[in-house]
Amino acid sequence: MRIPCPHCGARGSEEFLFRGAADLVRPSADASAETWHDYVHLRDNPAGQYNELWQHQHGCRRWLVVTRNTATHQIFAVVDSALRGRAA
């Protein structure tokens, strides 16, 4: 799989570190033990379009949000996580 880094151009996935879901929301410090257990240990494993965090470890070292289809590995978008949600 090739990931189009917005800073370095298209690179092989072996240059990147996969972190997991980009849309996870960390519970508050006073959340219940069950809520923390679910956050730490339970993850969705969807087939289809999904936002993921990847770090370009062997390149610019930036964290990226990669929107891809987990079944086909087709990549729809890649944005720098620091810029995500900002108006263009």
PDB file of N, CA and C in Angstrom:
ATOM      1  N   MET A   1       0.845  -1.173   0.000  1.00  0.00           N
ATOM      2  CA  MET A   1       0.000   0.000   0.000  1.00  0.00           C
ATOM      3  C   MET A   1       0.895   1.242   0.000  1.00  0.00           C
ATOM      4  N   ARG A   2       0.543   2.221  -0.810  1.00  0.00           N
ATOM      5  CA  ARG A   2       1.279   3.486  -0.853  1.00  0.00           C
ATOM      6  C   ARG A   2       0.408   4.575  -0.243  1.00  0.00           C
ATOM      7  N   ILE A   3       0.999   5.351   0.636  1.00  0.00           N
ATOM      8  CA  ILE A   3       0.291   6.420   1.323  1.00  0.00           C
ATOM      9  C   ILE A   3       0.811   7.756   0.788  1.00  0.00           C
ATOM     10  N   PRO A   4      -0.085   8.610   0.270  1.00  0.00           N
ATOM     11  CA  PRO A   4       0.350   9.900  -0.269  1.00  0.00           C
ATOM     12  C   PRO A   4       0.549  10.934   0.846  1.00  0.00           C
ATOM     13  N   CYS A   5       1.739  11.002   1.391  1.00  0.00           N
ATOM     14  CA  CYS A   5       2.052  11.969   2.450  1.00  0.00           C
ATOM     15  C   CYS A   5       1.942  13.377   1.869  1.00  0.00           C
ATOM     16  N   PRO A   6       1.212  14.276   2.525  1.00  0.00           N
ATOM     17  CA  PRO A   6       1.079  15.633   1.992  1.00  0.00           C
ATOM     18  C   PRO A   6       2.388  16.424   2.029  1.00  0.00           C
ATOM     19  N   HIS A   7       3.386  15.939   2.773  1.00  0.00           N
ATOM     20  CA  HIS A   7       4.665  16.643   2.894  1.00  0.00           C
ATOM     21  C   HIS A   7       5.761  16.009   2.038  1.00  0.00           C
ATOM     22  N   CYS A   8       5.731  14.692   1.876  1.00  0.00           N
ATOM     23  CA  CYS A   8       6.834  13.964   1.222  1.00  0.00           C
ATOM     24  C   CYS A   8       6.442  13.298  -0.085  1.00  0.00           C
ATOM     25  N   GLY A   9       5.171  13.247  -0.399  1.00  0.00           N
ATOM     26  CA  GLY A   9       4.707  12.537  -1.588  1.00  0.00           C
ATOM     27  C   GLY A   9       4.365  11.090  -1.252  1.00  0.00           C
ATOM     28  N   ALA A  10       3.994  10.334  -2.261  1.00  0.00           N
ATOM     29  CA  ALA A  10       3.575   8.942  -2.067  1.00  0.00           C
ATOM     30  C   ALA A  10       4.760   8.089  -1.611  1.00  0.00           C
ATOM     31  N   ARG A  11       4.522   7.317  -0.541  1.00  0.00           N
ATOM     32  CA  ARG A  11       5.558   6.446   0.021  1.00  0.00           C
ATOM     33  C   ARG A  11       4.930   5.101   0.384  1.00  0.00           C
ATOM     34  N   GLY A  12       5.752   4.070   0.458  1.00  0.00           N
ATOM     35  CA  GLY A  12       5.284   2.749   0.864  1.00  0.00           C
ATOM     36  C   GLY A  12       4.863   2.738   2.322  1.00  0.00           C
ATOM     37  N   SER A  13       3.883   1.922   2.656  1.00  0.00           N
ATOM     38  CA  SER A  13       3.359   1.889   4.024  1.00  0.00           C
ATOM     39  C   SER A  13       4.401   1.448   5.051  1.00  0.00           C
ATOM     40  N   GLU A  14       5.492   0.800   4.591  1.00  0.00           N
ATOM     41  CA  GLU A  14       6.532   0.377   5.535  1.00  0.00           C
ATOM     42  C   GLU A  14       7.265   1.566   6.157  1.00  0.00           C
ATOM     43  N   GLU A  15       7.103   2.777   5.597  1.00  0.00           N
ATOM     44  CA  GLU A  15       7.705   3.983   6.173  1.00  0.00           C
ATOM     45  C   GLU A  15       6.861   4.563   7.307  1.00  0.00           C
ATOM     46  N   PHE A  16       5.658   4.032   7.494  1.00  0.00           N
ATOM     47  CA  PHE A  16       4.692   4.607   8.421  1.00  0.00           C
ATOM     48  C   PHE A  16       4.428   3.695   9.611  1.00  0.00           C
ATOM     49  N   LEU A  17       4.034   4.304  10.714  1.00  0.00           N
ATOM     50  CA  LEU A  17       3.606   3.583  11.907  1.00  0.00           C
ATOM     51  C   LEU A  17       2.102   3.769  12.035  1.00  0.00           C
ATOM     52  N   PHE A  18       1.362   2.672  12.111  1.00  0.00           N
ATOM     53  CA  PHE A  18      -0.089   2.718  12.276  1.00  0.00           C
ATOM     54  C   PHE A  18      -0.417   2.858  13.746  1.00  0.00           C
ATOM     55  N   ARG A  19      -1.245   3.820  14.108  1.00  0.00           N
ATOM     56  CA  ARG A  19      -1.595   4.054  15.512  1.00  0.00           C
ATOM     57  C   ARG A  19      -2.992   3.542  15.856  1.00  0.00           C
ATOM     58  N   GLY A  20      -3.945   3.689  14.949  1.00  0.00           N
ATOM     59  CA  GLY A  20      -5.305   3.239  15.230  1.00  0.00           C
ATOM     60  C   GLY A  20      -6.328   4.256  14.765  1.00  0.00           C
ATOM     61  N   ALA A  21      -7.505   4.189  15.349  1.00  0.00           N
ATOM     62  CA  ALA A  21      -8.610   5.058  14.962  1.00  0.00           C
ATOM     63  C   ALA A  21      -8.292   6.523  15.257  1.00  0.00           C
ATOM     64  N   ALA A  22      -8.606   7.379  14.299  1.00  0.00           N
ATOM     65  CA  ALA A  22      -8.333   8.808  14.461  1.00  0.00           C
ATOM     66  C   ALA A  22      -9.453   9.532  15.189  1.00  0.00           C
ATOM     67  N   ASP A  23     -10.600   8.901  15.320  1.00  0.00           N
ATOM     68  CA  ASP A  23     -11.761   9.592  15.881  1.00  0.00           C
ATOM     69  C   ASP A  23     -12.100   9.179  17.314  1.00  0.00           C
ATOM     70  N   LEU A  24     -11.202   8.461  17.981  1.00  0.00           N
ATOM     71  CA  LEU A  24     -11.453   8.077  19.368  1.00  0.00           C
ATOM     72  C   LEU A  24     -11.461   9.305  20.263  1.00  0.00           C
ATOM     73  N   VAL A  25     -12.380   9.328  21.203  1.00  0.00           N
ATOM     74  CA  VAL A  25     -12.459  10.426  22.156  1.00  0.00           C
ATOM     75  C   VAL A  25     -12.068   9.884  23.529  1.00  0.00           C
ATOM     76  N   ARG A  26     -11.014  10.456  24.100  1.00  0.00           N
ATOM     77  CA  ARG A  26     -10.514  10.022  25.408  1.00  0.00           C
ATOM     78  C   ARG A  26     -11.529  10.392  26.495  1.00  0.00           C
ATOM     79  N   PRO A  27     -11.853   9.446  27.381  1.00  0.00           N
ATOM     80  CA  PRO A  27     -12.784   9.751  28.470  1.00  0.00           C
ATOM     81  C   PRO A  27     -12.187  10.771  29.440  1.00  0.00           C
ATOM     82  N   SER A  28     -13.047  11.413  30.196  1.00  0.00           N
ATOM     83  CA  SER A  28     -12.570  12.353  31.206  1.00  0.00           C
ATOM     84  C   SER A  28     -11.891  11.582  32.335  1.00  0.00           C
ATOM     85  N   ALA A  29     -11.073  12.264  33.102  1.00  0.00           N
ATOM     86  CA  ALA A  29     -10.314  11.629  34.180  1.00  0.00           C
ATOM     87  C   ALA A  29     -11.224  10.989  35.222  1.00  0.00           C
ATOM     88  N   ASP A  30     -12.430  11.522  35.392  1.00  0.00           N
ATOM     89  CA  ASP A  30     -13.335  10.988  36.410  1.00  0.00           C
ATOM     90  C   ASP A  30     -14.335   9.973  35.841  1.00  0.00           C
ATOM     91  N   ALA A  31     -14.080   9.471  34.633  1.00  0.00           N
ATOM     92  CA  ALA A  31     -14.964   8.466  34.028  1.00  0.00           C
ATOM     93  C   ALA A  31     -14.878   7.156  34.814  1.00  0.00           C
ATOM     94  N   SER A  32     -15.909   6.347  34.663  1.00  0.00           N
ATOM     95  CA  SER A  32     -15.965   5.074  35.382  1.00  0.00           C
ATOM     96  C   SER A  32     -14.894   4.112  34.884  1.00  0.00           C
ATOM     97  N   ALA A  33     -14.612   3.106  35.700  1.00  0.00           N
ATOM     98  CA  ALA A  33     -13.642   2.080  35.320  1.00  0.00           C
ATOM     99  C   ALA A  33     -14.109   1.335  34.061  1.00  0.00           C
ATOM    100  N   GLU A  34     -15.409   1.119  33.958  1.00  0.00           N
ATOM    101  CA  GLU A  34     -15.948   0.436  32.778  1.00  0.00           C
ATOM    102  C   GLU A  34     -15.724   1.270  31.511  1.00  0.00           C
ATOM    103  N   THR A  35     -15.919   2.576  31.611  1.00  0.00           N
ATOM    104  CA  THR A  35     -15.692   3.458  30.472  1.00  0.00           C
ATOM    105  C   THR A  35     -14.231   3.425  30.055  1.00  0.00           C
ATOM    106  N   TRP A  36     -13.307   3.462  31.034  1.00  0.00           N
ATOM    107  CA  TRP A  36     -11.880   3.391  30.729  1.00  0.00           C
ATOM    108  C   TRP A  36     -11.500   2.033  30.145  1.00  0.00           C
ATOM    109  N   HIS A  37     -12.074   0.974  30.670  1.00  0.00           N
ATOM    110  CA  HIS A  37     -11.819  -0.365  30.130  1.00  0.00           C
ATOM    111  C   HIS A  37     -12.213  -0.421  28.658  1.00  0.00           C
ATOM    112  N   ASP A  38     -13.406   0.070  28.354  1.00  0.00           N
ATOM    113  CA  ASP A  38     -13.874   0.063  26.965  1.00  0.00           C
ATOM    114  C   ASP A  38     -12.951   0.885  26.067  1.00  0.00           C
ATOM    115  N   TYR A  39     -12.513   2.044  26.544  1.00  0.00           N
ATOM    116  CA  TYR A  39     -11.637   2.917  25.755  1.00  0.00           C
ATOM    117  C   TYR A  39     -10.285   2.257  25.476  1.00  0.00           C
ATOM    118  N   VAL A  40      -9.726   1.614  26.478  1.00  0.00           N
ATOM    119  CA  VAL A  40      -8.391   1.021  26.343  1.00  0.00           C
ATOM    120  C   VAL A  40      -8.415  -0.301  25.572  1.00  0.00           C
ATOM    121  N   HIS A  41      -9.422  -1.132  25.816  1.00  0.00           N
ATOM    122  CA  HIS A  41      -9.376  -2.506  25.319  1.00  0.00           C
ATOM    123  C   HIS A  41     -10.315  -2.845  24.161  1.00  0.00           C
ATOM    124  N   LEU A  42     -11.387  -2.093  23.969  1.00  0.00           N
ATOM    125  CA  LEU A  42     -12.366  -2.459  22.944  1.00  0.00           C
ATOM    126  C   LEU A  42     -12.265  -1.520  21.755  1.00  0.00           C
ATOM    127  N   ARG A  43     -12.109  -2.089  20.579  1.00  0.00           N
ATOM    128  CA  ARG A  43     -11.997  -1.301  19.357  1.00  0.00           C
ATOM    129  C   ARG A  43     -12.917  -1.881  18.292  1.00  0.00           C
ATOM    130  N   ASP A  44     -13.449  -0.988  17.465  1.00  0.00           N
ATOM    131  CA  ASP A  44     -14.211  -1.428  16.305  1.00  0.00           C
ATOM    132  C   ASP A  44     -13.239  -1.958  15.267  1.00  0.00           C
ATOM    133  N   ASN A  45     -13.701  -2.865  14.450  1.00  0.00           N
ATOM    134  CA  ASN A  45     -12.903  -3.390  13.345  1.00  0.00           C
ATOM    135  C   ASN A  45     -13.775  -3.342  12.095  1.00  0.00           C
ATOM    136  N   PRO A  46     -14.003  -2.107  11.600  1.00  0.00           N
ATOM    137  CA  PRO A  46     -14.967  -1.957  10.508  1.00  0.00           C
ATOM    138  C   PRO A  46     -14.413  -2.403   9.163  1.00  0.00           C
ATOM    139  N   ALA A  47     -15.304  -2.825   8.299  1.00  0.00           N
ATOM    140  CA  ALA A  47     -14.963  -3.050   6.898  1.00  0.00           C
ATOM    141  C   ALA A  47     -15.592  -1.891   6.140  1.00  0.00           C
ATOM    142  N   GLY A  48     -14.753  -1.039   5.587  1.00  0.00           N
ATOM    143  CA  GLY A  48     -15.260   0.125   4.870  1.00  0.00           C
ATOM    144  C   GLY A  48     -14.424   1.351   5.186  1.00  0.00           C
ATOM    145  N   GLN A  49     -14.979   2.509   4.887  1.00  0.00           N
ATOM    146  CA  GLN A  49     -14.247   3.763   5.054  1.00  0.00           C
ATOM    147  C   GLN A  49     -14.047   4.079   6.532  1.00  0.00           C
ATOM    148  N   TYR A  50     -12.814   4.479   6.877  1.00  0.00           N
ATOM    149  CA  TYR A  50     -12.428   4.649   8.276  1.00  0.00           C
ATOM    150  C   TYR A  50     -11.298   5.662   8.360  1.00  0.00           C
ATOM    151  N   ASN A  51     -11.301   6.499   9.398  1.00  0.00           N
ATOM    152  CA  ASN A  51     -10.219   7.461   9.635  1.00  0.00           C
ATOM    153  C   ASN A  51      -9.200   6.846  10.584  1.00  0.00           C
ATOM    154  N   GLU A  52      -7.932   6.839  10.163  1.00  0.00           N
ATOM    155  CA  GLU A  52      -6.866   6.222  10.954  1.00  0.00           C
ATOM    156  C   GLU A  52      -5.711   7.200  11.156  1.00  0.00           C
ATOM    157  N   LEU A  53      -4.992   7.025  12.250  1.00  0.00           N
ATOM    158  CA  LEU A  53      -3.783   7.800  12.500  1.00  0.00           C
ATOM    159  C   LEU A  53      -2.564   7.006  12.055  1.00  0.00           C
ATOM    160  N   TRP A  54      -1.705   7.641  11.278  1.00  0.00           N
ATOM    161  CA  TRP A  54      -0.449   7.061  10.820  1.00  0.00           C
ATOM    162  C   TRP A  54       0.636   8.100  11.055  1.00  0.00           C
ATOM    163  N   GLN A  55       1.815   7.666  11.482  1.00  0.00           N
ATOM    164  CA  GLN A  55       2.953   8.579  11.606  1.00  0.00           C
ATOM    165  C   GLN A  55       3.959   8.232  10.512  1.00  0.00           C
ATOM    166  N   HIS A  56       4.434   9.242   9.807  1.00  0.00           N
ATOM    167  CA  HIS A  56       5.438   9.017   8.764  1.00  0.00           C
ATOM    168  C   HIS A  56       6.803   8.946   9.440  1.00  0.00           C
ATOM    169  N   GLN A  57       7.070   7.820  10.061  1.00  0.00           N
ATOM    170  CA  GLN A  57       8.266   7.616  10.873  1.00  0.00           C
ATOM    171  C   GLN A  57       9.570   7.778  10.105  1.00  0.00           C
ATOM    172  N   HIS A  58       9.629   7.274   8.901  1.00  0.00           N
ATOM    173  CA  HIS A  58      10.876   7.307   8.133  1.00  0.00           C
ATOM    174  C   HIS A  58      10.839   8.404   7.077  1.00  0.00           C
ATOM    175  N   GLY A  59      10.134   9.471   7.394  1.00  0.00           N
ATOM    176  CA  GLY A  59      10.035  10.612   6.490  1.00  0.00           C
ATOM    177  C   GLY A  59       9.961  11.881   7.330  1.00  0.00           C
ATOM    178  N   CYS A  60       8.889  12.622   7.163  1.00  0.00           N
ATOM    179  CA  CYS A  60       8.731  13.917   7.831  1.00  0.00           C
ATOM    180  C   CYS A  60       8.367  13.789   9.316  1.00  0.00           C
ATOM    181  N   ARG A  61       8.040  12.594   9.771  1.00  0.00           N
ATOM    182  CA  ARG A  61       7.681  12.277  11.159  1.00  0.00           C
ATOM    183  C   ARG A  61       6.355  12.903  11.601  1.00  0.00           C
ATOM    184  N   ARG A  62       5.580  13.419  10.668  1.00  0.00           N
ATOM    185  CA  ARG A  62       4.298  14.042  10.988  1.00  0.00           C
ATOM    186  C   ARG A  62       3.227  12.975  11.204  1.00  0.00           C
ATOM    187  N   TRP A  63       2.251  13.295  12.062  1.00  0.00           N
ATOM    188  CA  TRP A  63       1.086  12.442  12.249  1.00  0.00           C
ATOM    189  C   TRP A  63       0.052  12.816  11.198  1.00  0.00           C
ATOM    190  N   LEU A  64      -0.503  11.818  10.542  1.00  0.00           N
ATOM    191  CA  LEU A  64      -1.454  12.015   9.455  1.00  0.00           C
ATOM    192  C   LEU A  64      -2.755  11.293   9.755  1.00  0.00           C
ATOM    193  N   VAL A  65      -3.855  11.878   9.299  1.00  0.00           N
ATOM    194  CA  VAL A  65      -5.149  11.197   9.342  1.00  0.00           C
ATOM    195  C   VAL A  65      -5.395  10.664   7.935  1.00  0.00           C
ATOM    196  N   VAL A  66      -5.434   9.349   7.832  1.00  0.00           N
ATOM    197  CA  VAL A  66      -5.631   8.676   6.547  1.00  0.00           C
ATOM    198  C   VAL A  66      -7.047   8.118   6.522  1.00  0.00           C
ATOM    199  N   THR A  67      -7.824   8.556   5.541  1.00  0.00           N
ATOM    200  CA  THR A  67      -9.174   8.019   5.348  1.00  0.00           C
ATOM    201  C   THR A  67      -9.063   6.964   4.262  1.00  0.00           C
ATOM    202  N   ARG A  68      -9.327   5.713   4.652  1.00  0.00           N
ATOM    203  CA  ARG A  68      -9.183   4.622   3.679  1.00  0.00           C
ATOM    204  C   ARG A  68     -10.252   3.564   3.906  1.00  0.00           C
ATOM    205  N   ASN A  69     -10.439   2.752   2.891  1.00  0.00           N
ATOM    206  CA  ASN A  69     -11.336   1.614   2.976  1.00  0.00           C
ATOM    207  C   ASN A  69     -10.530   0.454   3.543  1.00  0.00           C
ATOM    208  N   THR A  70     -10.921  -0.046   4.697  1.00  0.00           N
ATOM    209  CA  THR A  70     -10.146  -1.095   5.361  1.00  0.00           C
ATOM    210  C   THR A  70     -10.244  -2.446   4.651  1.00  0.00           C
ATOM    211  N   ALA A  71     -11.230  -2.609   3.779  1.00  0.00           N
ATOM    212  CA  ALA A  71     -11.368  -3.869   3.048  1.00  0.00           C
ATOM    213  C   ALA A  71     -10.537  -3.869   1.769  1.00  0.00           C
ATOM    214  N   THR A  72     -10.478  -2.719   1.081  1.00  0.00           N
ATOM    215  CA  THR A  72      -9.783  -2.655  -0.206  1.00  0.00           C
ATOM    216  C   THR A  72      -8.456  -1.901  -0.123  1.00  0.00           C
ATOM    217  N   HIS A  73      -8.215  -1.203   0.958  1.00  0.00           N
ATOM    218  CA  HIS A  73      -7.032  -0.358   1.178  1.00  0.00           C
ATOM    219  C   HIS A  73      -7.009   0.877   0.276  1.00  0.00           C
ATOM    220  N   GLN A  74      -8.119   1.181  -0.389  1.00  0.00           N
ATOM    221  CA  GLN A  74      -8.190   2.401  -1.193  1.00  0.00           C
ATOM    222  C   GLN A  74      -8.129   3.606  -0.258  1.00  0.00           C
ATOM    223  N   ILE A  75      -7.265   4.562  -0.571  1.00  0.00           N
ATOM    224  CA  ILE A  75      -7.113   5.762   0.244  1.00  0.00           C
ATOM    225  C   ILE A  75      -7.906   6.895  -0.396  1.00  0.00           C
ATOM    226  N   PHE A  76      -8.766   7.541   0.412  1.00  0.00           N
ATOM    227  CA  PHE A  76      -9.612   8.619  -0.072  1.00  0.00           C
ATOM    228  C   PHE A  76      -9.027   9.998   0.233  1.00  0.00           C
ATOM    229  N   ALA A  77      -8.351  10.129   1.368  1.00  0.00           N
ATOM    230  CA  ALA A  77      -7.792  11.426   1.764  1.00  0.00           C
ATOM    231  C   ALA A  77      -6.686  11.213   2.784  1.00  0.00           C
ATOM    232  N   VAL A  78      -5.721  12.128   2.792  1.00  0.00           N
ATOM    233  CA  VAL A  78      -4.662  12.148   3.799  1.00  0.00           C
ATOM    234  C   VAL A  78      -4.449  13.604   4.176  1.00  0.00           C
ATOM    235  N   VAL A  79      -4.569  13.902   5.485  1.00  0.00           N
ATOM    236  CA  VAL A  79      -4.333  15.267   5.957  1.00  0.00           C
ATOM    237  C   VAL A  79      -3.426  15.224   7.174  1.00  0.00           C
ATOM    238  N   ASP A  80      -2.650  16.270   7.338  1.00  0.00           N
ATOM    239  CA  ASP A  80      -1.806  16.413   8.526  1.00  0.00           C
ATOM    240  C   ASP A  80      -2.740  16.541   9.731  1.00  0.00           C
ATOM    241  N   SER A  81      -2.531  15.748  10.763  1.00  0.00           N
ATOM    242  CA  SER A  81      -3.431  15.771  11.915  1.00  0.00           C
ATOM    243  C   SER A  81      -3.458  17.133  12.600  1.00  0.00           C
ATOM    244  N   ALA A  82      -2.365  17.900  12.517  1.00  0.00           N
ATOM    245  CA  ALA A  82      -2.325  19.229  13.117  1.00  0.00           C
ATOM    246  C   ALA A  82      -3.232  20.206  12.376  1.00  0.00           C
ATOM    247  N   LEU A  83      -3.524  19.918  11.119  1.00  0.00           N
ATOM    248  CA  LEU A  83      -4.348  20.812  10.302  1.00  0.00           C
ATOM    249  C   LEU A  83      -5.781  20.341  10.189  1.00  0.00           C
ATOM    250  N   ARG A  84      -6.072  19.181  10.705  1.00  0.00           N
ATOM    251  CA  ARG A  84      -7.415  18.588  10.569  1.00  0.00           C
ATOM    252  C   ARG A  84      -8.463  19.491  11.214  1.00  0.00           C
ATOM    253  N   GLY A  85      -9.521  19.716  10.485  1.00  0.00           N
ATOM    254  CA  GLY A  85     -10.636  20.499  11.006  1.00  0.00           C
ATOM    255  C   GLY A  85     -10.486  21.996  10.801  1.00  0.00           C
ATOM    256  N   ARG A  86      -9.355  22.446  10.320  1.00  0.00           N
ATOM    257  CA  ARG A  86      -9.177  23.880  10.047  1.00  0.00           C
ATOM    258  C   ARG A  86      -9.771  24.226   8.699  1.00  0.00           C
ATOM    259  N   ALA A  87     -10.330  25.398   8.609  1.00  0.00           N
ATOM    260  CA  ALA A  87     -10.868  25.859   7.320  1.00  0.00           C
ATOM    261  C   ALA A  87      -9.725  26.182   6.372  1.00  0.00           C
ATOM    262  N   ALA A  88      -9.913  25.858   5.123  1.00  0.00           N
ATOM    263  CA  ALA A  88      -8.869  26.113   4.123  1.00  0.00           C
ATOM    264  C   ALA A  88      -8.867  27.565   3.694  1.00  0.00           C
TER     265      ALA A  88
END
